[in-house]
PDB file of N, CA and C in Angstrom:
ATOM      1  N   MET A   1     119.437 -22.756   5.084  1.00  0.00           N
ATOM      2  CA  MET A   1     118.261 -22.028   4.644  1.00  0.00           C
ATOM      3  C   MET A   1     117.008 -22.845   4.966  1.00  0.00           C
ATOM      4  N   ALA A   2     115.981 -22.190   5.432  1.00  0.00           N
ATOM      5  CA  ALA A   2     114.731 -22.855   5.777  1.00  0.00           C
ATOM      6  C   ALA A   2     114.056 -23.404   4.529  1.00  0.00           C
ATOM      7  N   GLU A   3     113.377 -24.535   4.711  1.00  0.00           N
ATOM      8  CA  GLU A   3     112.619 -25.096   3.596  1.00  0.00           C
ATOM      9  C   GLU A   3     111.474 -24.147   3.262  1.00  0.00           C
ATOM     10  N   ARG A   4     111.206 -24.023   1.986  1.00  0.00           N
ATOM     11  CA  ARG A   4     110.157 -23.119   1.523  1.00  0.00           C
ATOM     12  C   ARG A   4     109.132 -23.930   0.743  1.00  0.00           C
ATOM     13  N   TYR A   5     107.864 -23.718   1.042  1.00  0.00           N
ATOM     14  CA  TYR A   5     106.769 -24.430   0.385  1.00  0.00           C
ATOM     15  C   TYR A   5     105.957 -23.472  -0.479  1.00  0.00           C
ATOM     16  N   ASN A   6     105.351 -23.997  -1.526  1.00  0.00           N
ATOM     17  CA  ASN A   6     104.347 -23.240  -2.260  1.00  0.00           C
ATOM     18  C   ASN A   6     103.039 -23.354  -1.485  1.00  0.00           C
ATOM     19  N   VAL A   7     102.133 -22.421  -1.725  1.00  0.00           N
ATOM     20  CA  VAL A   7     100.842 -22.432  -1.048  1.00  0.00           C
ATOM     21  C   VAL A   7      99.733 -22.319  -2.084  1.00  0.00           C
ATOM     22  N   GLN A   8      98.794 -23.262  -2.011  1.00  0.00           N
ATOM     23  CA  GLN A   8      97.611 -23.202  -2.868  1.00  0.00           C
ATOM     24  C   GLN A   8      96.551 -22.384  -2.142  1.00  0.00           C
ATOM     25  N   VAL A   9      95.931 -21.461  -2.872  1.00  0.00           N
ATOM     26  CA  VAL A   9      94.851 -20.650  -2.329  1.00  0.00           C
ATOM     27  C   VAL A   9      93.606 -20.987  -3.146  1.00  0.00           C
ATOM     28  N   ARG A  10      92.535 -21.402  -2.453  1.00  0.00           N
ATOM     29  CA  ARG A  10      91.306 -21.790  -3.142  1.00  0.00           C
ATOM     30  C   ARG A  10      90.122 -21.073  -2.508  1.00  0.00           C
ATOM     31  N   VAL A  11      89.226 -20.543  -3.340  1.00  0.00           N
ATOM     32  CA  VAL A  11      88.003 -19.919  -2.843  1.00  0.00           C
ATOM     33  C   VAL A  11      87.047 -21.035  -2.459  1.00  0.00           C
ATOM     34  N   ILE A  12      86.639 -21.050  -1.169  1.00  0.00           N
ATOM     35  CA  ILE A  12      85.732 -22.094  -0.700  1.00  0.00           C
ATOM     36  C   ILE A  12      84.330 -21.570  -0.400  1.00  0.00           C
ATOM     37  N   SER A  13      84.178 -20.243  -0.373  1.00  0.00           N
ATOM     38  CA  SER A  13      82.867 -19.645  -0.124  1.00  0.00           C
ATOM     39  C   SER A  13      82.868 -18.217  -0.657  1.00  0.00           C
ATOM     40  N   GLN A  14      81.746 -17.805  -1.244  1.00  0.00           N
ATOM     41  CA  GLN A  14      81.614 -16.437  -1.731  1.00  0.00           C
ATOM     42  C   GLN A  14      80.154 -16.047  -1.637  1.00  0.00           C
ATOM     43  N   LYS A  15      79.872 -14.933  -0.973  1.00  0.00           N
ATOM     44  CA  LYS A  15      78.499 -14.442  -0.822  1.00  0.00           C
ATOM     45  C   LYS A  15      78.429 -13.020  -1.326  1.00  0.00           C
ATOM     46  N   GLY A  16      77.283 -12.642  -1.853  1.00  0.00           N
ATOM     47  CA  GLY A  16      77.138 -11.298  -2.394  1.00  0.00           C
ATOM     48  C   GLY A  16      77.847 -11.184  -3.733  1.00  0.00           C
ATOM     49  N   THR A  17      78.394 -10.005  -3.990  1.00  0.00           N
ATOM     50  CA  THR A  17      79.071  -9.741  -5.255  1.00  0.00           C
ATOM     51  C   THR A  17      80.516  -9.353  -4.990  1.00  0.00           C
ATOM     52  N   CYS A  18      81.429 -10.184  -5.407  1.00  0.00           N
ATOM     53  CA  CYS A  18      82.847  -9.878  -5.262  1.00  0.00           C
ATOM     54  C   CYS A  18      83.237  -8.879  -6.348  1.00  0.00           C
ATOM     55  N   ALA A  19      83.821  -7.758  -5.960  1.00  0.00           N
ATOM     56  CA  ALA A  19      84.186  -6.703  -6.913  1.00  0.00           C
ATOM     57  C   ALA A  19      85.209  -7.184  -7.939  1.00  0.00           C
ATOM     58  N   ILE A  20      86.039  -8.147  -7.575  1.00  0.00           N
ATOM     59  CA  ILE A  20      87.055  -8.675  -8.476  1.00  0.00           C
ATOM     60  C   ILE A  20      86.503  -9.827  -9.308  1.00  0.00           C
ATOM     61  N   GLY A  21      85.445 -10.459  -8.813  1.00  0.00           N
ATOM     62  CA  GLY A  21      84.836 -11.572  -9.530  1.00  0.00           C
ATOM     63  C   GLY A  21      85.274 -12.949  -9.061  1.00  0.00           C
ATOM     64  N   HIS A  22      85.886 -13.012  -7.873  1.00  0.00           N
ATOM     65  CA  HIS A  22      86.257 -14.328  -7.350  1.00  0.00           C
ATOM     66  C   HIS A  22      85.000 -15.156  -7.133  1.00  0.00           C
ATOM     67  N   LYS A  23      85.122 -16.457  -7.381  1.00  0.00           N
ATOM     68  CA  LYS A  23      84.000 -17.370  -7.178  1.00  0.00           C
ATOM     69  C   LYS A  23      84.520 -18.690  -6.612  1.00  0.00           C
ATOM     70  N   VAL A  24      83.624 -19.457  -6.014  1.00  0.00           N
ATOM     71  CA  VAL A  24      83.996 -20.747  -5.431  1.00  0.00           C
ATOM     72  C   VAL A  24      84.686 -21.592  -6.499  1.00  0.00           C
ATOM     73  N   GLY A  25      85.799 -22.170  -6.105  1.00  0.00           N
ATOM     74  CA  GLY A  25      86.567 -23.018  -7.011  1.00  0.00           C
ATOM     75  C   GLY A  25      87.781 -22.336  -7.615  1.00  0.00           C
ATOM     76  N   ASP A  26      87.825 -20.995  -7.581  1.00  0.00           N
ATOM     77  CA  ASP A  26      89.018 -20.309  -8.084  1.00  0.00           C
ATOM     78  C   ASP A  26      90.230 -20.790  -7.300  1.00  0.00           C
ATOM     79  N   GLU A  27      91.339 -21.017  -8.003  1.00  0.00           N
ATOM     80  CA  GLU A  27      92.561 -21.475  -7.344  1.00  0.00           C
ATOM     81  C   GLU A  27      93.763 -20.712  -7.856  1.00  0.00           C
ATOM     82  N   PHE A  28      94.696 -20.493  -6.946  1.00  0.00           N
ATOM     83  CA  PHE A  28      95.965 -19.845  -7.263  1.00  0.00           C
ATOM     84  C   PHE A  28      97.053 -20.613  -6.519  1.00  0.00           C
ATOM     85  N   VAL A  29      98.222 -20.697  -7.101  1.00  0.00           N
ATOM     86  CA  VAL A  29      99.371 -21.248  -6.390  1.00  0.00           C
ATOM     87  C   VAL A  29     100.371 -20.109  -6.242  1.00  0.00           C
ATOM     88  N   ILE A  30     100.792 -19.894  -5.012  1.00  0.00           N
ATOM     89  CA  ILE A  30     101.712 -18.802  -4.722  1.00  0.00           C
ATOM     90  C   ILE A  30     103.064 -19.394  -4.374  1.00  0.00           C
ATOM     91  N   SER A  31     104.081 -18.892  -5.061  1.00  0.00           N
ATOM     92  CA  SER A  31     105.442 -19.336  -4.825  1.00  0.00           C
ATOM     93  C   SER A  31     106.274 -18.136  -4.410  1.00  0.00           C
ATOM     94  N   ARG A  32     106.891 -17.494  -5.364  1.00  0.00           N
ATOM     95  CA  ARG A  32     107.731 -16.327  -5.060  1.00  0.00           C
ATOM     96  C   ARG A  32     107.133 -15.019  -5.564  1.00  0.00           C
ATOM     97  N   THR A  33     106.029 -15.104  -6.313  1.00  0.00           N
ATOM     98  CA  THR A  33     105.376 -13.902  -6.824  1.00  0.00           C
ATOM     99  C   THR A  33     103.870 -14.029  -6.634  1.00  0.00           C
ATOM    100  N   THR A  34     103.179 -12.915  -6.665  1.00  0.00           N
ATOM    101  CA  THR A  34     101.724 -12.948  -6.558  1.00  0.00           C
ATOM    102  C   THR A  34     101.135 -13.382  -7.898  1.00  0.00           C
ATOM    103  N   PRO A  35     100.112 -14.212  -7.867  1.00  0.00           N
ATOM    104  CA  PRO A  35      99.493 -14.637  -9.118  1.00  0.00           C
ATOM    105  C   PRO A  35      98.615 -13.532  -9.698  1.00  0.00           C
ATOM    106  N   GLU A  36      98.563 -13.482 -11.000  1.00  0.00           N
ATOM    107  CA  GLU A  36      97.724 -12.490 -11.668  1.00  0.00           C
ATOM    108  C   GLU A  36      96.260 -12.779 -11.370  1.00  0.00           C
ATOM    109  N   GLY A  37      95.491 -11.730 -11.132  1.00  0.00           N
ATOM    110  CA  GLY A  37      94.056 -11.859 -10.955  1.00  0.00           C
ATOM    111  C   GLY A  37      93.578 -11.972  -9.528  1.00  0.00           C
ATOM    112  N   ILE A  38      94.481 -12.024  -8.561  1.00  0.00           N
ATOM    113  CA  ILE A  38      94.045 -12.158  -7.175  1.00  0.00           C
ATOM    114  C   ILE A  38      93.782 -10.771  -6.581  1.00  0.00           C
ATOM    115  N   CYS A  39      92.716 -10.665  -5.822  1.00  0.00           N
ATOM    116  CA  CYS A  39      92.332  -9.398  -5.197  1.00  0.00           C
ATOM    117  C   CYS A  39      93.409  -8.950  -4.206  1.00  0.00           C
ATOM    118  N   LEU A  40      93.872  -7.723  -4.341  1.00  0.00           N
ATOM    119  CA  LEU A  40      94.925  -7.229  -3.456  1.00  0.00           C
ATOM    120  C   LEU A  40      94.454  -7.083  -2.012  1.00  0.00           C
ATOM    121  N   SER A  41      93.194  -6.728  -1.810  1.00  0.00           N
ATOM    122  CA  SER A  41      92.685  -6.616  -0.431  1.00  0.00           C
ATOM    123  C   SER A  41      92.656  -7.979   0.244  1.00  0.00           C
ATOM    124  N   ALA A  42      92.195  -8.988  -0.466  1.00  0.00           N
ATOM    125  CA  ALA A  42      92.181 -10.336   0.088  1.00  0.00           C
ATOM    126  C   ALA A  42      93.616 -10.825   0.303  1.00  0.00           C
ATOM    127  N   PHE A  43      94.484 -10.594  -0.683  1.00  0.00           N
ATOM    128  CA  PHE A  43      95.876 -11.015  -0.572  1.00  0.00           C
ATOM    129  C   PHE A  43      96.525 -10.396   0.658  1.00  0.00           C
ATOM    130  N   ASN A  44      96.262  -9.127   0.884  1.00  0.00           N
ATOM    131  CA  ASN A  44      96.818  -8.443   2.055  1.00  0.00           C
ATOM    132  C   ASN A  44      96.316  -9.082   3.355  1.00  0.00           C
ATOM    133  N   THR A  45      95.080  -9.536   3.353  1.00  0.00           N
ATOM    134  CA  THR A  45      94.505 -10.167   4.545  1.00  0.00           C
ATOM    135  C   THR A  45      95.159 -11.506   4.844  1.00  0.00           C
ATOM    136  N   PHE A  46      95.342 -12.344   3.822  1.00  0.00           N
ATOM    137  CA  PHE A  46      95.889 -13.666   4.103  1.00  0.00           C
ATOM    138  C   PHE A  46      97.409 -13.757   3.961  1.00  0.00           C
ATOM    139  N   PHE A  47      98.066 -12.660   3.629  1.00  0.00           N
ATOM    140  CA  PHE A  47      99.516 -12.668   3.463  1.00  0.00           C
ATOM    141  C   PHE A  47     100.265 -13.222   4.687  1.00  0.00           C
ATOM    142  N   PRO A  48      99.963 -12.781   5.909  1.00  0.00           N
ATOM    143  CA  PRO A  48     100.703 -13.328   7.067  1.00  0.00           C
ATOM    144  C   PRO A  48     100.523 -14.841   7.220  1.00  0.00           C
ATOM    145  N   ALA A  49      99.310 -15.345   7.021  1.00  0.00           N
ATOM    146  CA  ALA A  49      99.076 -16.788   7.128  1.00  0.00           C
ATOM    147  C   ALA A  49      99.779 -17.530   6.000  1.00  0.00           C
ATOM    148  N   MET A  50      99.773 -16.952   4.820  1.00  0.00           N
ATOM    149  CA  MET A  50     100.443 -17.561   3.676  1.00  0.00           C
ATOM    150  C   MET A  50     101.940 -17.700   3.948  1.00  0.00           C
ATOM    151  N   ARG A  51     102.559 -16.650   4.467  1.00  0.00           N
ATOM    152  CA  ARG A  51     103.997 -16.691   4.763  1.00  0.00           C
ATOM    153  C   ARG A  51     104.301 -17.699   5.866  1.00  0.00           C
ATOM    154  N   THR A  52     103.427 -17.798   6.848  1.00  0.00           N
ATOM    155  CA  THR A  52     103.613 -18.790   7.906  1.00  0.00           C
ATOM    156  C   THR A  52     103.639 -20.194   7.317  1.00  0.00           C
ATOM    157  N   LEU A  53     102.666 -20.508   6.460  1.00  0.00           N
ATOM    158  CA  LEU A  53     102.625 -21.822   5.826  1.00  0.00           C
ATOM    159  C   LEU A  53     103.822 -22.034   4.909  1.00  0.00           C
ATOM    160  N   MET A  54     104.239 -20.989   4.192  1.00  0.00           N
ATOM    161  CA  MET A  54     105.379 -21.105   3.274  1.00  0.00           C
ATOM    162  C   MET A  54     106.654 -21.557   3.978  1.00  0.00           C
ATOM    163  N   PHE A  55     106.836 -21.113   5.207  1.00  0.00           N
ATOM    164  CA  PHE A  55     108.082 -21.394   5.901  1.00  0.00           C
ATOM    165  C   PHE A  55     107.935 -22.406   7.036  1.00  0.00           C
ATOM    166  N   GLY A  56     106.885 -23.247   6.939  1.00  0.00           N
ATOM    167  CA  GLY A  56     106.758 -24.384   7.844  1.00  0.00           C
ATOM    168  C   GLY A  56     106.019 -24.146   9.138  1.00  0.00           C
ATOM    169  N   GLY A  57     105.486 -22.947   9.328  1.00  0.00           N
ATOM    170  CA  GLY A  57     104.771 -22.653  10.562  1.00  0.00           C
ATOM    171  C   GLY A  57     103.387 -23.286  10.607  1.00  0.00           C
ATOM    172  N   THR A  58     102.799 -23.289  11.784  1.00  0.00           N
ATOM    173  CA  THR A  58     101.464 -23.843  11.980  1.00  0.00           C
ATOM    174  C   THR A  58     100.633 -22.894  12.840  1.00  0.00           C
ATOM    175  N   PHE A  59      99.354 -23.202  12.953  1.00  0.00           N
ATOM    176  CA  PHE A  59      98.425 -22.411  13.751  1.00  0.00           C
ATOM    177  C   PHE A  59      97.808 -23.323  14.807  1.00  0.00           C
ATOM    178  N   PRO A  60      97.899 -22.970  16.081  1.00  0.00           N
ATOM    179  CA  PRO A  60      97.428 -23.857  17.147  1.00  0.00           C
ATOM    180  C   PRO A  60      95.922 -24.134  17.096  1.00  0.00           C
ATOM    181  N   TRP A  61      95.149 -23.304  16.451  1.00  0.00           N
ATOM    182  CA  TRP A  61      93.704 -23.484  16.385  1.00  0.00           C
ATOM    183  C   TRP A  61      93.274 -24.332  15.186  1.00  0.00           C
ATOM    184  N   SER A  62      94.207 -24.701  14.331  1.00  0.00           N
ATOM    185  CA  SER A  62      93.878 -25.458  13.133  1.00  0.00           C
ATOM    186  C   SER A  62      94.053 -26.951  13.376  1.00  0.00           C
ATOM    187  N   ASP A  63      93.059 -27.738  12.953  1.00  0.00           N
ATOM    188  CA  ASP A  63      93.153 -29.197  13.066  1.00  0.00           C
ATOM    189  C   ASP A  63      94.176 -29.763  12.085  1.00  0.00           C
ATOM    190  N   ASP A  64      94.408 -29.058  10.989  1.00  0.00           N
ATOM    191  CA  ASP A  64      95.347 -29.495   9.958  1.00  0.00           C
ATOM    192  C   ASP A  64      96.511 -28.518   9.934  1.00  0.00           C
ATOM    193  N   PRO A  65      97.722 -28.957  10.246  1.00  0.00           N
ATOM    194  CA  PRO A  65      98.857 -28.039  10.308  1.00  0.00           C
ATOM    195  C   PRO A  65      99.258 -27.448   8.957  1.00  0.00           C
ATOM    196  N   ASP A  66      98.716 -27.995   7.874  1.00  0.00           N
ATOM    197  CA  ASP A  66      99.061 -27.508   6.538  1.00  0.00           C
ATOM    198  C   ASP A  66      98.014 -26.571   5.944  1.00  0.00           C
ATOM    199  N   THR A  67      97.029 -26.131   6.734  1.00  0.00           N
ATOM    200  CA  THR A  67      95.983 -25.265   6.182  1.00  0.00           C
ATOM    201  C   THR A  67      95.670 -24.075   7.095  1.00  0.00           C
ATOM    202  N   ALA A  68      95.080 -23.074   6.464  1.00  0.00           N
ATOM    203  CA  ALA A  68      94.527 -21.916   7.174  1.00  0.00           C
ATOM    204  C   ALA A  68      93.343 -21.425   6.351  1.00  0.00           C
ATOM    205  N   THR A  69      92.350 -20.888   7.005  1.00  0.00           N
ATOM    206  CA  THR A  69      91.180 -20.340   6.321  1.00  0.00           C
ATOM    207  C   THR A  69      91.063 -18.867   6.688  1.00  0.00           C
ATOM    208  N   MET A  70      90.937 -18.031   5.649  1.00  0.00           N
ATOM    209  CA  MET A  70      90.887 -16.582   5.853  1.00  0.00           C
ATOM    210  C   MET A  70      89.776 -15.992   4.977  1.00  0.00           C
ATOM    211  N   ALA A  71      89.176 -14.907   5.451  1.00  0.00           N
ATOM    212  CA  ALA A  71      88.146 -14.208   4.677  1.00  0.00           C
ATOM    213  C   ALA A  71      88.656 -12.842   4.237  1.00  0.00           C
ATOM    214  N   CYS A  72      88.181 -12.398   3.090  1.00  0.00           N
ATOM    215  CA  CYS A  72      88.541 -11.067   2.625  1.00  0.00           C
ATOM    216  C   CYS A  72      87.923 -10.026   3.563  1.00  0.00           C
ATOM    217  N   PRO A  73      88.363  -8.784   3.498  1.00  0.00           N
ATOM    218  CA  PRO A  73      87.874  -7.777   4.440  1.00  0.00           C
ATOM    219  C   PRO A  73      86.494  -7.199   4.112  1.00  0.00           C
ATOM    220  N   ASP A  74      85.873  -7.576   3.002  1.00  0.00           N
ATOM    221  CA  ASP A  74      84.561  -7.044   2.625  1.00  0.00           C
ATOM    222  C   ASP A  74      83.471  -7.826   3.353  1.00  0.00           C
ATOM    223  N   ALA A  75      83.024  -7.329   4.498  1.00  0.00           N
ATOM    224  CA  ALA A  75      82.056  -8.037   5.335  1.00  0.00           C
ATOM    225  C   ALA A  75      80.693  -8.193   4.674  1.00  0.00           C
ATOM    226  N   GLU A  76      80.346  -7.315   3.734  1.00  0.00           N
ATOM    227  CA  GLU A  76      79.052  -7.407   3.063  1.00  0.00           C
ATOM    228  C   GLU A  76      79.070  -8.381   1.892  1.00  0.00           C
ATOM    229  N   ASN A  77      80.239  -8.677   1.363  1.00  0.00           N
ATOM    230  CA  ASN A  77      80.394  -9.587   0.232  1.00  0.00           C
ATOM    231  C   ASN A  77      81.594 -10.501   0.466  1.00  0.00           C
ATOM    232  N   PRO A  78      81.543 -11.306   1.530  1.00  0.00           N
ATOM    233  CA  PRO A  78      82.740 -12.049   1.915  1.00  0.00           C
ATOM    234  C   PRO A  78      83.124 -13.176   0.954  1.00  0.00           C
ATOM    235  N   VAL A  79      84.411 -13.256   0.732  1.00  0.00           N
ATOM    236  CA  VAL A  79      85.012 -14.373   0.011  1.00  0.00           C
ATOM    237  C   VAL A  79      85.937 -15.064   1.005  1.00  0.00           C
ATOM    238  N   VAL A  80      85.785 -16.373   1.136  1.00  0.00           N
ATOM    239  CA  VAL A  80      86.597 -17.135   2.075  1.00  0.00           C
ATOM    240  C   VAL A  80      87.593 -17.976   1.281  1.00  0.00           C
ATOM    241  N   PHE A  81      88.852 -17.914   1.708  1.00  0.00           N
ATOM    242  CA  PHE A  81      89.946 -18.598   1.036  1.00  0.00           C
ATOM    243  C   PHE A  81      90.526 -19.670   1.955  1.00  0.00           C
ATOM    244  N   LYS A  82      90.806 -20.838   1.392  1.00  0.00           N
ATOM    245  CA  LYS A  82      91.524 -21.886   2.123  1.00  0.00           C
ATOM    246  C   LYS A  82      92.941 -21.912   1.578  1.00  0.00           C
ATOM    247  N   LEU A  83      93.903 -21.762   2.466  1.00  0.00           N
ATOM    248  CA  LEU A  83      95.318 -21.806   2.112  1.00  0.00           C
ATOM    249  C   LEU A  83      95.857 -23.166   2.511  1.00  0.00           C
ATOM    250  N   THR A  84      96.564 -23.800   1.598  1.00  0.00           N
ATOM    251  CA  THR A  84      97.099 -25.130   1.847  1.00  0.00           C
ATOM    252  C   THR A  84      98.567 -25.194   1.466  1.00  0.00           C
ATOM    253  N   ARG A  85      99.399 -25.570   2.415  1.00  0.00           N
ATOM    254  CA  ARG A  85     100.812 -25.771   2.145  1.00  0.00           C
ATOM    255  C   ARG A  85     100.938 -26.977   1.213  1.00  0.00           C
ATOM    256  N   ILE A  86     101.714 -26.827   0.165  1.00  0.00           N
ATOM    257  CA  ILE A  86     101.926 -27.923  -0.786  1.00  0.00           C
ATOM    258  C   ILE A  86     103.210 -28.641  -0.401  1.00  0.00           C
ATOM    259  N   ARG A  87     103.056 -29.855   0.037  1.00  0.00           N
ATOM    260  CA  ARG A  87     104.209 -30.692   0.378  1.00  0.00           C
ATOM    261  C   ARG A  87     104.492 -31.579  -0.816  1.00  0.00           C
ATOM    262  N   GLU A  88     105.695 -31.467  -1.342  1.00  0.00           N
ATOM    263  CA  GLU A  88     106.090 -32.266  -2.496  1.00  0.00           C
ATOM    264  C   GLU A  88     106.268 -33.715  -2.067  1.00  0.00           C
ATOM    265  N   GLU A  89     105.759 -34.620  -2.878  1.00  0.00           N
ATOM    266  CA  GLU A  89     105.942 -36.051  -2.625  1.00  0.00           C
ATOM    267  C   GLU A  89     107.369 -36.440  -2.969  1.00  0.00           C
ATOM    268  N   SER A  90     108.006 -37.198  -2.107  1.00  0.00           N
ATOM    269  CA  SER A  90     109.385 -37.642  -2.360  1.00  0.00           C
ATOM    270  C   SER A  90     109.400 -38.931  -3.144  1.00  0.00           C
TER     271      SER A  90
END
């Protein structure tokens, strides 16, 4: 079975008015279920990147193989999320 990682999602930028109320500094850790309070539209946007990080994948355009940055689909009130693979210390 492939190794599975948790992913931390943190709001790093927010402009305008987020309908859900996300603000810079909000954090969620995603394991096997969606965390309460996260915007479903944003979650749907970063879901593919989150799953890639969960199962050890990387993105060739990222300087850090353990991160991805994604924005919610609301172009007038964008919220930007940083996804970080959590590597457990041995």
